[in-house]
Structure formats: structure tokens, C-alpha cells
């Protein structure tokens, strides 16, 4: 029996046990674990690129610096990713 089958079988057994009320773990409260967001480097960079472009667009592509737009966008994206995880 492969690992996936064992996992599915284990999940089915737990499910049927909890429906019958005989599961020992049913009396324990469910503990939530923090969600971890894992992004590829390219995905994060793409998010920063779009945010930097939108910053430049909002000011009409004048009186600004692409480097400053990038740094601000990078901080915003990282802040939002940290808040989401």
C-alpha cells in the first residue's frame, strides 16, 4: 500500500470514527497552526515589479525615481506577505 493510499485510508477511518463519536481526539479542541506562505522568488519579484509600475503610473511617470518606486514597492509587498502569513 503506498503512502497516499494510507493517508486516504487513515482519513476515512478518522472520519467514520468521528461520525460515531468514538474518536478519542474528538474531545480535544482543534489547535490551529499558522499558515505559511511560500512563494517562488520570481513570484515575489513580479509582485514588486507590478507595484512599482503602479506607483510610477499614479504620479504620471514624472518627478520620481524607478529605484525609489522599487524600494517602496518591495517594502509594501513584504509587509503584505508577512501580514498574510
PDB file of N, CA and C in Angstrom:
ATOM      1  N   UNK A   1       0.863  -1.182   0.000  1.00  0.00           N
ATOM      2  CA  UNK A   1       0.000   0.000   0.000  1.00  0.00           C
ATOM      3  C   UNK A   1       0.897   1.229   0.000  1.00  0.00           C
ATOM      4  N   UNK A   2       0.640   2.180  -0.896  1.00  0.00           N
ATOM      5  CA  UNK A   2       1.500   3.364  -0.957  1.00  0.00           C
ATOM      6  C   UNK A   2       1.089   4.395   0.085  1.00  0.00           C
ATOM      7  N   UNK A   3       1.919   5.412   0.239  1.00  0.00           N
ATOM      8  CA  UNK A   3       1.704   6.423   1.275  1.00  0.00           C
ATOM      9  C   UNK A   3       0.399   7.185   1.081  1.00  0.00           C
ATOM     10  N   UNK A   4       0.066   7.545  -0.173  1.00  0.00           N
ATOM     11  CA  UNK A   4      -1.168   8.284  -0.448  1.00  0.00           C
ATOM     12  C   UNK A   4      -2.388   7.458  -0.064  1.00  0.00           C
ATOM     13  N   UNK A   5      -2.352   6.152  -0.360  1.00  0.00           N
ATOM     14  CA  UNK A   5      -3.470   5.281  -0.011  1.00  0.00           C
ATOM     15  C   UNK A   5      -3.595   5.183   1.495  1.00  0.00           C
ATOM     16  N   UNK A   6      -2.464   5.066   2.173  1.00  0.00           N
ATOM     17  CA  UNK A   6      -2.502   5.003   3.626  1.00  0.00           C
ATOM     18  C   UNK A   6      -3.085   6.275   4.209  1.00  0.00           C
ATOM     19  N   UNK A   7      -2.714   7.414   3.658  1.00  0.00           N
ATOM     20  CA  UNK A   7      -3.228   8.683   4.149  1.00  0.00           C
ATOM     21  C   UNK A   7      -4.733   8.762   3.942  1.00  0.00           C
ATOM     22  N   UNK A   8      -5.179   8.390   2.739  1.00  0.00           N
ATOM     23  CA  UNK A   8      -6.614   8.431   2.466  1.00  0.00           C
ATOM     24  C   UNK A   8      -7.360   7.460   3.360  1.00  0.00           C
ATOM     25  N   UNK A   9      -6.830   6.271   3.540  1.00  0.00           N
ATOM     26  CA  UNK A   9      -7.482   5.284   4.378  1.00  0.00           C
ATOM     27  C   UNK A   9      -7.547   5.778   5.816  1.00  0.00           C
ATOM     28  N   UNK A  10      -6.446   6.378   6.294  1.00  0.00           N
ATOM     29  CA  UNK A  10      -6.429   6.915   7.646  1.00  0.00           C
ATOM     30  C   UNK A  10      -7.441   8.026   7.817  1.00  0.00           C
ATOM     31  N   UNK A  11      -7.572   8.864   6.805  1.00  0.00           N
ATOM     32  CA  UNK A  11      -8.539   9.961   6.863  1.00  0.00           C
ATOM     33  C   UNK A  11      -9.952   9.414   6.885  1.00  0.00           C
ATOM     34  N   UNK A  12     -10.217   8.369   6.103  1.00  0.00           N
ATOM     35  CA  UNK A  12     -11.544   7.761   6.065  1.00  0.00           C
ATOM     36  C   UNK A  12     -11.877   7.152   7.406  1.00  0.00           C
ATOM     37  N   UNK A  13     -10.923   6.448   8.016  1.00  0.00           N
ATOM     38  CA  UNK A  13     -11.166   5.838   9.311  1.00  0.00           C
ATOM     39  C   UNK A  13     -11.444   6.888  10.372  1.00  0.00           C
ATOM     40  N   UNK A  14     -10.689   7.957  10.375  1.00  0.00           N
ATOM     41  CA  UNK A  14     -10.918   9.028  11.347  1.00  0.00           C
ATOM     42  C   UNK A  14     -12.287   9.658  11.137  1.00  0.00           C
ATOM     43  N   UNK A  15     -12.655   9.837   9.881  1.00  0.00           N
ATOM     44  CA  UNK A  15     -13.938  10.448   9.570  1.00  0.00           C
ATOM     45  C   UNK A  15     -15.079   9.579  10.066  1.00  0.00           C
ATOM     46  N   UNK A  16     -15.001   8.282   9.817  1.00  0.00           N
ATOM     47  CA  UNK A  16     -16.079   7.395  10.244  1.00  0.00           C
ATOM     48  C   UNK A  16     -16.117   7.276  11.759  1.00  0.00           C
ATOM     49  N   UNK A  17     -14.942   7.322  12.411  1.00  0.00           N
ATOM     50  CA  UNK A  17     -14.911   7.273  13.864  1.00  0.00           C
ATOM     51  C   UNK A  17     -15.562   8.502  14.467  1.00  0.00           C
ATOM     52  N   UNK A  18     -15.292   9.673  13.892  1.00  0.00           N
ATOM     53  CA  UNK A  18     -15.846  10.890  14.472  1.00  0.00           C
ATOM     54  C   UNK A  18     -17.352  10.950  14.281  1.00  0.00           C
ATOM     55  N   UNK A  19     -17.870  10.346  13.192  1.00  0.00           N
ATOM     56  CA  UNK A  19     -19.320  10.315  12.990  1.00  0.00           C
ATOM     57  C   UNK A  19     -19.996   9.455  14.040  1.00  0.00           C
ATOM     58  N   UNK A  20     -19.297   8.409  14.489  1.00  0.00           N
ATOM     59  CA  UNK A  20     -19.863   7.524  15.508  1.00  0.00           C
ATOM     60  C   UNK A  20     -19.621   8.048  16.911  1.00  0.00           C
ATOM     61  N   UNK A  21     -18.769   9.069  17.020  1.00  0.00           N
ATOM     62  CA  UNK A  21     -18.498   9.644  18.330  1.00  0.00           C
ATOM     63  C   UNK A  21     -17.536   8.831  19.163  1.00  0.00           C
ATOM     64  N   UNK A  22     -16.794   7.896  18.568  1.00  0.00           N
ATOM     65  CA  UNK A  22     -15.894   7.035  19.320  1.00  0.00           C
ATOM     66  C   UNK A  22     -14.448   7.476  19.229  1.00  0.00           C
ATOM     67  N   UNK A  23     -14.175   8.568  18.586  1.00  0.00           N
ATOM     68  CA  UNK A  23     -12.800   9.018  18.415  1.00  0.00           C
ATOM     69  C   UNK A  23     -12.295   9.634  19.713  1.00  0.00           C
ATOM     70  N   UNK A  24     -11.117   9.204  20.122  1.00  0.00           N
ATOM     71  CA  UNK A  24     -10.527   9.741  21.344  1.00  0.00           C
ATOM     72  C   UNK A  24     -10.164  11.210  21.185  1.00  0.00           C
ATOM     73  N   UNK A  25      -9.848  11.621  19.943  1.00  0.00           N
ATOM     74  CA  UNK A  25      -9.434  13.001  19.734  1.00  0.00           C
ATOM     75  C   UNK A  25     -10.616  13.953  19.607  1.00  0.00           C
ATOM     76  N   UNK A  26     -11.843  13.445  19.556  1.00  0.00           N
ATOM     77  CA  UNK A  26     -12.988  14.329  19.384  1.00  0.00           C
ATOM     78  C   UNK A  26     -13.225  15.212  20.601  1.00  0.00           C
ATOM     79  N   UNK A  27     -12.726  14.811  21.765  1.00  0.00           N
ATOM     80  CA  UNK A  27     -12.910  15.626  22.956  1.00  0.00           C
ATOM     81  C   UNK A  27     -11.841  16.715  23.073  1.00  0.00           C
ATOM     82  N   UNK A  28     -10.781  16.606  22.259  1.00  0.00           N
ATOM     83  CA  UNK A  28      -9.721  17.604  22.288  1.00  0.00           C
ATOM     84  C   UNK A  28     -10.057  18.770  21.375  1.00  0.00           C
ATOM     85  N   UNK A  29      -9.816  19.995  21.820  1.00  0.00           N
ATOM     86  CA  UNK A  29     -10.073  21.135  20.931  1.00  0.00           C
ATOM     87  C   UNK A  29      -9.102  21.126  19.748  1.00  0.00           C
ATOM     88  N   UNK A  30      -9.566  21.645  18.638  1.00  0.00           N
ATOM     89  CA  UNK A  30      -8.730  21.716  17.450  1.00  0.00           C
ATOM     90  C   UNK A  30      -7.721  22.838  17.630  1.00  0.00           C
ATOM     91  N   UNK A  31      -6.450  22.521  17.407  1.00  0.00           N
ATOM     92  CA  UNK A  31      -5.399  23.526  17.529  1.00  0.00           C
ATOM     93  C   UNK A  31      -5.078  24.041  16.141  1.00  0.00           C
ATOM     94  N   UNK A  32      -5.157  25.345  15.982  1.00  0.00           N
ATOM     95  CA  UNK A  32      -4.836  25.910  14.672  1.00  0.00           C
ATOM     96  C   UNK A  32      -3.341  26.195  14.601  1.00  0.00           C
ATOM     97  N   UNK A  33      -2.792  25.949  13.424  1.00  0.00           N
ATOM     98  CA  UNK A  33      -1.384  26.212  13.196  1.00  0.00           C
ATOM     99  C   UNK A  33      -1.265  27.390  12.256  1.00  0.00           C
ATOM    100  N   UNK A  34      -0.189  28.181  12.394  1.00  0.00           N
ATOM    101  CA  UNK A  34      -0.028  29.333  11.497  1.00  0.00           C
ATOM    102  C   UNK A  34       0.110  28.877  10.051  1.00  0.00           C
ATOM    103  N   UNK A  35      -0.440  29.668   9.158  1.00  0.00           N
ATOM    104  CA  UNK A  35      -0.343  29.393   7.734  1.00  0.00           C
ATOM    105  C   UNK A  35       0.972  29.964   7.229  1.00  0.00           C
ATOM    106  N   UNK A  36       1.699  29.165   6.488  1.00  0.00           N
ATOM    107  CA  UNK A  36       2.964  29.612   5.923  1.00  0.00           C
ATOM    108  C   UNK A  36       2.790  29.781   4.427  1.00  0.00           C
ATOM    109  N   UNK A  37       3.137  30.960   3.935  1.00  0.00           N
ATOM    110  CA  UNK A  37       3.057  31.221   2.506  1.00  0.00           C
ATOM    111  C   UNK A  37       4.445  31.080   1.925  1.00  0.00           C
ATOM    112  N   UNK A  38       4.552  30.239   0.945  1.00  0.00           N
ATOM    113  CA  UNK A  38       5.827  30.019   0.297  1.00  0.00           C
ATOM    114  C   UNK A  38       5.713  30.475  -1.150  1.00  0.00           C
ATOM    115  N   UNK A  39       6.507  31.468  -1.509  1.00  0.00           N
ATOM    116  CA  UNK A  39       6.479  31.990  -2.868  1.00  0.00           C
ATOM    117  C   UNK A  39       7.811  31.762  -3.542  1.00  0.00           C
ATOM    118  N   UNK A  40       7.744  31.510  -4.806  1.00  0.00           N
ATOM    119  CA  UNK A  40       8.970  31.454  -5.579  1.00  0.00           C
ATOM    120  C   UNK A  40       9.528  32.871  -5.671  1.00  0.00           C
ATOM    121  N   UNK A  41      10.840  32.971  -5.781  1.00  0.00           N
ATOM    122  CA  UNK A  41      11.488  34.269  -5.894  1.00  0.00           C
ATOM    123  C   UNK A  41      10.886  35.076  -7.036  1.00  0.00           C
ATOM    124  N   UNK A  42      10.619  34.401  -8.158  1.00  0.00           N
ATOM    125  CA  UNK A  42      10.084  35.078  -9.341  1.00  0.00           C
ATOM    126  C   UNK A  42       8.693  35.655  -9.080  1.00  0.00           C
ATOM    127  N   UNK A  43       7.895  34.976  -8.269  1.00  0.00           N
ATOM    128  CA  UNK A  43       6.550  35.461  -7.951  1.00  0.00           C
ATOM    129  C   UNK A  43       6.625  36.731  -7.120  1.00  0.00           C
ATOM    130  N   UNK A  44       7.474  36.729  -6.107  1.00  0.00           N
ATOM    131  CA  UNK A  44       7.636  37.923  -5.267  1.00  0.00           C
ATOM    132  C   UNK A  44       8.155  39.083  -6.107  1.00  0.00           C
ATOM    133  N   UNK A  45       9.143  38.801  -6.955  1.00  0.00           N
ATOM    134  CA  UNK A  45       9.708  39.847  -7.801  1.00  0.00           C
ATOM    135  C   UNK A  45       8.649  40.407  -8.753  1.00  0.00           C
ATOM    136  N   UNK A  46       7.820  39.563  -9.277  1.00  0.00           N
ATOM    137  CA  UNK A  46       6.745  40.009 -10.167  1.00  0.00           C
ATOM    138  C   UNK A  46       5.757  40.914  -9.423  1.00  0.00           C
ATOM    139  N   UNK A  47       5.439  40.554  -8.191  1.00  0.00           N
ATOM    140  CA  UNK A  47       4.542  41.383  -7.384  1.00  0.00           C
ATOM    141  C   UNK A  47       5.156  42.755  -7.149  1.00  0.00           C
ATOM    142  N   UNK A  48       6.456  42.793  -6.863  1.00  0.00           N
ATOM    143  CA  UNK A  48       7.148  44.059  -6.634  1.00  0.00           C
ATOM    144  C   UNK A  48       7.168  44.880  -7.924  1.00  0.00           C
ATOM    145  N   UNK A  49       7.447  44.231  -9.035  1.00  0.00           N
ATOM    146  CA  UNK A  49       7.512  44.928 -10.332  1.00  0.00           C
ATOM    147  C   UNK A  49       6.172  45.603 -10.643  1.00  0.00           C
ATOM    148  N   UNK A  50       5.083  44.891 -10.436  1.00  0.00           N
ATOM    149  CA  UNK A  50       3.753  45.455 -10.707  1.00  0.00           C
ATOM    150  C   UNK A  50       3.462  46.617  -9.762  1.00  0.00           C
ATOM    151  N   UNK A  51       3.769  46.449  -8.486  1.00  0.00           N
ATOM    152  CA  UNK A  51       3.522  47.514  -7.513  1.00  0.00           C
ATOM    153  C   UNK A  51       4.348  48.759  -7.830  1.00  0.00           C
ATOM    154  N   UNK A  52       5.607  48.569  -8.235  1.00  0.00           N
ATOM    155  CA  UNK A  52       6.457  49.710  -8.590  1.00  0.00           C
ATOM    156  C   UNK A  52       5.911  50.425  -9.825  1.00  0.00           C
ATOM    157  N   UNK A  53       5.450  49.661 -10.799  1.00  0.00           N
ATOM    158  CA  UNK A  53       4.870  50.262 -12.001  1.00  0.00           C
ATOM    159  C   UNK A  53       3.632  51.080 -11.634  1.00  0.00           C
ATOM    160  N   UNK A  54       2.783  50.543 -10.788  1.00  0.00           N
ATOM    161  CA  UNK A  54       1.572  51.265 -10.390  1.00  0.00           C
ATOM    162  C   UNK A  54       1.905  52.558  -9.651  1.00  0.00           C
ATOM    163  N   UNK A  55       2.961  52.543  -8.847  1.00  0.00           N
ATOM    164  CA  UNK A  55       3.389  53.773  -8.174  1.00  0.00           C
ATOM    165  C   UNK A  55       3.788  54.835  -9.199  1.00  0.00           C
ATOM    166  N   UNK A  56       4.575  54.429 -10.188  1.00  0.00           N
ATOM    167  CA  UNK A  56       5.005  55.378 -11.233  1.00  0.00           C
ATOM    168  C   UNK A  56       3.799  55.864 -12.035  1.00  0.00           C
ATOM    169  N   UNK A  57       2.901  54.977 -12.326  1.00  0.00           N
ATOM    170  CA  UNK A  57       1.703  55.336 -13.094  1.00  0.00           C
ATOM    171  C   UNK A  57       0.845  56.345 -12.332  1.00  0.00           C
ATOM    172  N   UNK A  58       0.716  56.149 -11.022  1.00  0.00           N
ATOM    173  CA  UNK A  58      -0.101  57.053 -10.203  1.00  0.00           C
ATOM    174  C   UNK A  58       0.426  58.478 -10.220  1.00  0.00           C
ATOM    175  N   UNK A  59       1.709  58.652 -10.362  1.00  0.00           N
ATOM    176  CA  UNK A  59       2.270  60.007 -10.394  1.00  0.00           C
ATOM    177  C   UNK A  59       2.490  60.489 -11.821  1.00  0.00           C
ATOM    178  N   UNK A  60       1.988  59.750 -12.810  1.00  0.00           N
ATOM    179  CA  UNK A  60       2.093  60.158 -14.206  1.00  0.00           C
ATOM    180  C   UNK A  60       3.470  59.942 -14.803  1.00  0.00           C
ATOM    181  N   UNK A  61       4.267  59.056 -14.219  1.00  0.00           N
ATOM    182  CA  UNK A  61       5.617  58.730 -14.697  1.00  0.00           C
ATOM    183  C   UNK A  61       6.561  59.942 -14.707  1.00  0.00           C
ATOM    184  N   UNK A  62       6.272  60.945 -13.875  1.00  0.00           N
ATOM    185  CA  UNK A  62       7.151  62.116 -13.775  1.00  0.00           C
ATOM    186  C   UNK A  62       7.510  62.346 -12.311  1.00  0.00           C
ATOM    187  N   UNK A  63       8.581  63.122 -12.111  1.00  0.00           N
ATOM    188  CA  UNK A  63       9.003  63.521 -10.762  1.00  0.00           C
ATOM    189  C   UNK A  63       9.169  62.342  -9.812  1.00  0.00           C
ATOM    190  N   UNK A  64       9.875  61.361 -10.243  1.00  0.00           N
ATOM    191  CA  UNK A  64      10.109  60.221  -9.366  1.00  0.00           C
ATOM    192  C   UNK A  64      11.313  59.422  -9.809  1.00  0.00           C
ATOM    193  N   UNK A  65      11.582  58.406  -9.084  1.00  0.00           N
ATOM    194  CA  UNK A  65      12.740  57.566  -9.345  1.00  0.00           C
ATOM    195  C   UNK A  65      12.299  56.105  -9.422  1.00  0.00           C
ATOM    196  N   UNK A  66      12.654  55.395 -10.476  1.00  0.00           N
ATOM    197  CA  UNK A  66      12.314  53.971 -10.562  1.00  0.00           C
ATOM    198  C   UNK A  66      12.896  53.169  -9.385  1.00  0.00           C
ATOM    199  N   UNK A  67      14.073  53.563  -8.937  1.00  0.00           N
ATOM    200  CA  UNK A  67      14.695  52.876  -7.802  1.00  0.00           C
ATOM    201  C   UNK A  67      13.877  53.080  -6.525  1.00  0.00           C
ATOM    202  N   UNK A  68      13.423  54.313  -6.315  1.00  0.00           N
ATOM    203  CA  UNK A  68      12.609  54.603  -5.133  1.00  0.00           C
ATOM    204  C   UNK A  68      11.273  53.877  -5.212  1.00  0.00           C
ATOM    205  N   UNK A  69      10.663  53.846  -6.407  1.00  0.00           N
ATOM    206  CA  UNK A  69       9.414  53.098  -6.590  1.00  0.00           C
ATOM    207  C   UNK A  69       9.621  51.633  -6.239  1.00  0.00           C
ATOM    208  N   UNK A  70      10.735  51.066  -6.709  1.00  0.00           N
ATOM    209  CA  UNK A  70      11.024  49.649  -6.453  1.00  0.00           C
ATOM    210  C   UNK A  70      11.200  49.390  -4.956  1.00  0.00           C
ATOM    211  N   UNK A  71      11.971  50.237  -4.284  1.00  0.00           N
ATOM    212  CA  UNK A  71      12.215  50.032  -2.857  1.00  0.00           C
ATOM    213  C   UNK A  71      10.934  50.149  -2.036  1.00  0.00           C
ATOM    214  N   UNK A  72      10.095  51.123  -2.370  1.00  0.00           N
ATOM    215  CA  UNK A  72       8.816  51.281  -1.669  1.00  0.00           C
ATOM    216  C   UNK A  72       7.898  50.093  -1.948  1.00  0.00           C
ATOM    217  N   UNK A  73       7.862  49.672  -3.197  1.00  0.00           N
ATOM    218  CA  UNK A  73       7.021  48.528  -3.566  1.00  0.00           C
ATOM    219  C   UNK A  73       7.508  47.261  -2.862  1.00  0.00           C
ATOM    220  N   UNK A  74       8.811  47.100  -2.770  1.00  0.00           N
ATOM    221  CA  UNK A  74       9.380  45.933  -2.098  1.00  0.00           C
ATOM    222  C   UNK A  74       8.965  45.897  -0.627  1.00  0.00           C
ATOM    223  N   UNK A  75       9.033  47.038   0.041  1.00  0.00           N
ATOM    224  CA  UNK A  75       8.621  47.100   1.447  1.00  0.00           C
ATOM    225  C   UNK A  75       7.134  46.771   1.594  1.00  0.00           C
ATOM    226  N   UNK A  76       6.317  47.313   0.707  1.00  0.00           N
ATOM    227  CA  UNK A  76       4.869  47.067   0.776  1.00  0.00           C
ATOM    228  C   UNK A  76       4.534  45.601   0.528  1.00  0.00           C
ATOM    229  N   UNK A  77       5.145  45.015  -0.485  1.00  0.00           N
ATOM    230  CA  UNK A  77       4.878  43.610  -0.797  1.00  0.00           C
ATOM    231  C   UNK A  77       5.326  42.725   0.373  1.00  0.00           C
ATOM    232  N   UNK A  78       6.510  42.950   0.893  1.00  0.00           N
ATOM    233  CA  UNK A  78       6.998  42.155   2.012  1.00  0.00           C
ATOM    234  C   UNK A  78       6.107  42.320   3.250  1.00  0.00           C
ATOM    235  N   UNK A  79       5.650  43.533   3.486  1.00  0.00           N
ATOM    236  CA  UNK A  79       4.750  43.789   4.625  1.00  0.00           C
ATOM    237  C   UNK A  79       3.434  43.028   4.442  1.00  0.00           C
ATOM    238  N   UNK A  80       2.878  43.071   3.237  1.00  0.00           N
ATOM    239  CA  UNK A  80       1.620  42.361   2.979  1.00  0.00           C
ATOM    240  C   UNK A  80       1.790  40.850   3.063  1.00  0.00           C
ATOM    241  N   UNK A  81       2.904  40.340   2.577  1.00  0.00           N
ATOM    242  CA  UNK A  81       3.160  38.903   2.668  1.00  0.00           C
ATOM    243  C   UNK A  81       3.332  38.455   4.122  1.00  0.00           C
ATOM    244  N   UNK A  82       4.009  39.279   4.917  1.00  0.00           N
ATOM    245  CA  UNK A  82       4.196  38.949   6.328  1.00  0.00           C
ATOM    246  C   UNK A  82       2.861  38.972   7.075  1.00  0.00           C
ATOM    247  N   UNK A  83       2.011  39.932   6.732  1.00  0.00           N
ATOM    248  CA  UNK A  83       0.702  40.028   7.381  1.00  0.00           C
ATOM    249  C   UNK A  83      -0.203  38.846   7.008  1.00  0.00           C
ATOM    250  N   UNK A  84      -0.011  38.321   5.796  1.00  0.00           N
ATOM    251  CA  UNK A  84      -0.842  37.216   5.323  1.00  0.00           C
ATOM    252  C   UNK A  84      -0.399  35.869   5.887  1.00  0.00           C
ATOM    253  N   UNK A  85       0.807  35.810   6.413  1.00  0.00           N
ATOM    254  CA  UNK A  85       1.274  34.503   6.909  1.00  0.00           C
ATOM    255  C   UNK A  85       1.129  34.356   8.395  1.00  0.00           C
TER     256      UNK A  85
END
